[in-house]
Amino acid sequence: MADNKNTDEAIQLLMRENAQLSGLALATGVLLTQLLQSILKTQLNPQAAATQIMTNARGAIDAFTPETTGERDPIMKARALDALKQFEDQIRSVLRD
């Protein structure tokens, strides 16, 4: 019975930590998106500037390899690329064509 209680407590702790990290990730994403939108709106060609930023970011993410980072889970890299696409879509939705 004690093992079940310890397991339940550990699961609850992990769920709280996951919720906190999810909130942190959401706030960070929103702030970054707002910041990039503000910066890009000041450019003469905001679409081209957005393309350059996203291309550079994609290249930086692609450069992470298990050999250089000790990355053990390719899901992290795939999620980072998915997040980048989400940010790009959000940013481009407010830029003039």
Protein backbone atom coordinates (compact mmCIF):
# COMPACT_ATOMS: atom_id res chain seq x y z
CA MET A 1 0.00 0.00 0.00
CA ALA A 2 2.85 2.38 0.77
CA ASP A 3 4.25 1.87 -2.72
CA ASN A 4 0.93 2.89 -4.26
CA LYS A 5 0.81 6.03 -2.12
CA ASN A 6 4.37 6.98 -3.09
CA THR A 7 3.61 6.29 -6.74
CA ASP A 8 0.44 8.38 -6.62
CA GLU A 9 2.30 11.25 -4.94
CA ALA A 10 5.08 11.06 -7.53
CA ILE A 11 2.54 11.10 -10.36
CA GLN A 12 0.76 14.10 -8.84
CA LEU A 13 4.07 15.93 -8.48
CA LEU A 14 4.98 15.21 -12.10
CA MET A 15 1.54 16.38 -13.26
CA ARG A 16 1.97 19.68 -11.37
CA GLU A 17 5.46 20.15 -12.77
CA ASN A 18 4.20 19.39 -16.27
CA ALA A 19 1.38 21.92 -15.88
CA GLN A 20 3.86 24.54 -14.65
CA LEU A 21 6.23 23.89 -17.54
CA SER A 22 3.34 24.00 -20.01
CA GLY A 23 2.30 27.37 -18.63
CA LEU A 24 5.85 28.63 -18.90
CA ALA A 25 6.11 27.40 -22.48
CA LEU A 26 2.79 29.04 -23.38
CA ALA A 27 3.81 32.40 -21.89
CA THR A 28 7.20 32.23 -23.58
CA GLY A 29 5.62 31.43 -26.93
CA VAL A 30 3.11 34.26 -26.66
CA LEU A 31 5.78 36.77 -25.67
CA LEU A 32 8.13 35.69 -28.46
CA THR A 33 5.35 35.84 -31.02
CA GLN A 34 4.32 39.33 -29.92
CA LEU A 35 7.93 40.51 -29.93
CA LEU A 36 8.62 39.12 -33.40
CA GLN A 37 5.40 40.59 -34.75
CA SER A 38 6.32 44.02 -33.40
CA ILE A 39 9.84 43.83 -34.83
CA LEU A 40 8.73 42.54 -38.22
CA LYS A 41 6.06 45.22 -38.61
CA THR A 42 8.83 47.83 -38.67
CA GLN A 43 10.60 46.18 -41.62
CA LEU A 44 10.17 47.40 -45.19
CA ASN A 45 9.46 43.83 -46.27
CA PRO A 46 8.10 42.06 -43.19
CA GLN A 47 7.28 38.83 -45.06
CA ALA A 48 10.88 38.48 -46.28
CA ALA A 49 12.21 39.28 -42.82
CA ALA A 50 9.91 36.64 -41.33
CA THR A 51 11.12 34.12 -43.89
CA GLN A 52 14.74 34.84 -43.01
CA ILE A 53 14.13 34.55 -39.26
CA MET A 54 12.22 31.28 -39.65
CA THR A 55 14.81 29.84 -42.04
CA ASN A 56 17.60 30.67 -39.60
CA ALA A 57 15.65 29.22 -36.68
CA ARG A 58 14.86 26.04 -38.63
CA GLY A 59 18.54 25.68 -39.51
CA ALA A 60 19.53 26.14 -35.88
CA ILE A 61 17.09 23.46 -34.74
CA ASP A 62 18.23 21.10 -37.49
CA ALA A 63 21.83 21.59 -36.36
CA PHE A 64 21.09 19.92 -33.03
CA THR A 65 22.20 16.32 -33.28
CA PRO A 66 22.50 13.54 -30.73
CA GLU A 67 26.26 13.66 -31.17
CA THR A 68 26.53 17.35 -30.26
CA THR A 69 23.79 17.71 -27.67
CA GLY A 70 23.41 14.32 -26.09
CA GLU A 71 19.81 14.44 -27.28
CA ARG A 72 18.18 11.14 -26.49
CA ASP A 73 14.72 11.78 -27.83
CA PRO A 74 14.08 12.83 -31.44
CA ILE A 75 10.56 13.81 -30.37
CA MET A 76 12.04 16.98 -28.82
CA LYS A 77 13.48 18.11 -32.14
CA ALA A 78 10.29 17.27 -34.02
CA ARG A 79 8.23 19.23 -31.49
CA ALA A 80 10.57 22.20 -31.78
CA LEU A 81 10.08 22.24 -35.55
CA ASP A 82 6.30 21.96 -35.10
CA ALA A 83 6.37 24.86 -32.63
CA LEU A 84 8.39 26.92 -35.09
CA LYS A 85 5.71 26.33 -37.73
CA GLN A 86 3.02 27.41 -35.25
CA PHE A 87 4.93 30.61 -34.45
CA GLU A 88 5.46 31.29 -38.14
CA ASP A 89 1.75 30.90 -38.88
CA GLN A 90 0.82 33.22 -36.00
CA ILE A 91 3.36 35.84 -36.99
CA ARG A 92 2.44 35.81 -40.67
CA SER A 93 -1.27 36.10 -39.83
CA VAL A 94 -0.77 39.70 -38.70
CA LEU A 95 1.76 40.87 -41.28
CA ARG A 96 0.63 42.80 -44.30
CA ASP A 97 1.22 41.17 -47.66
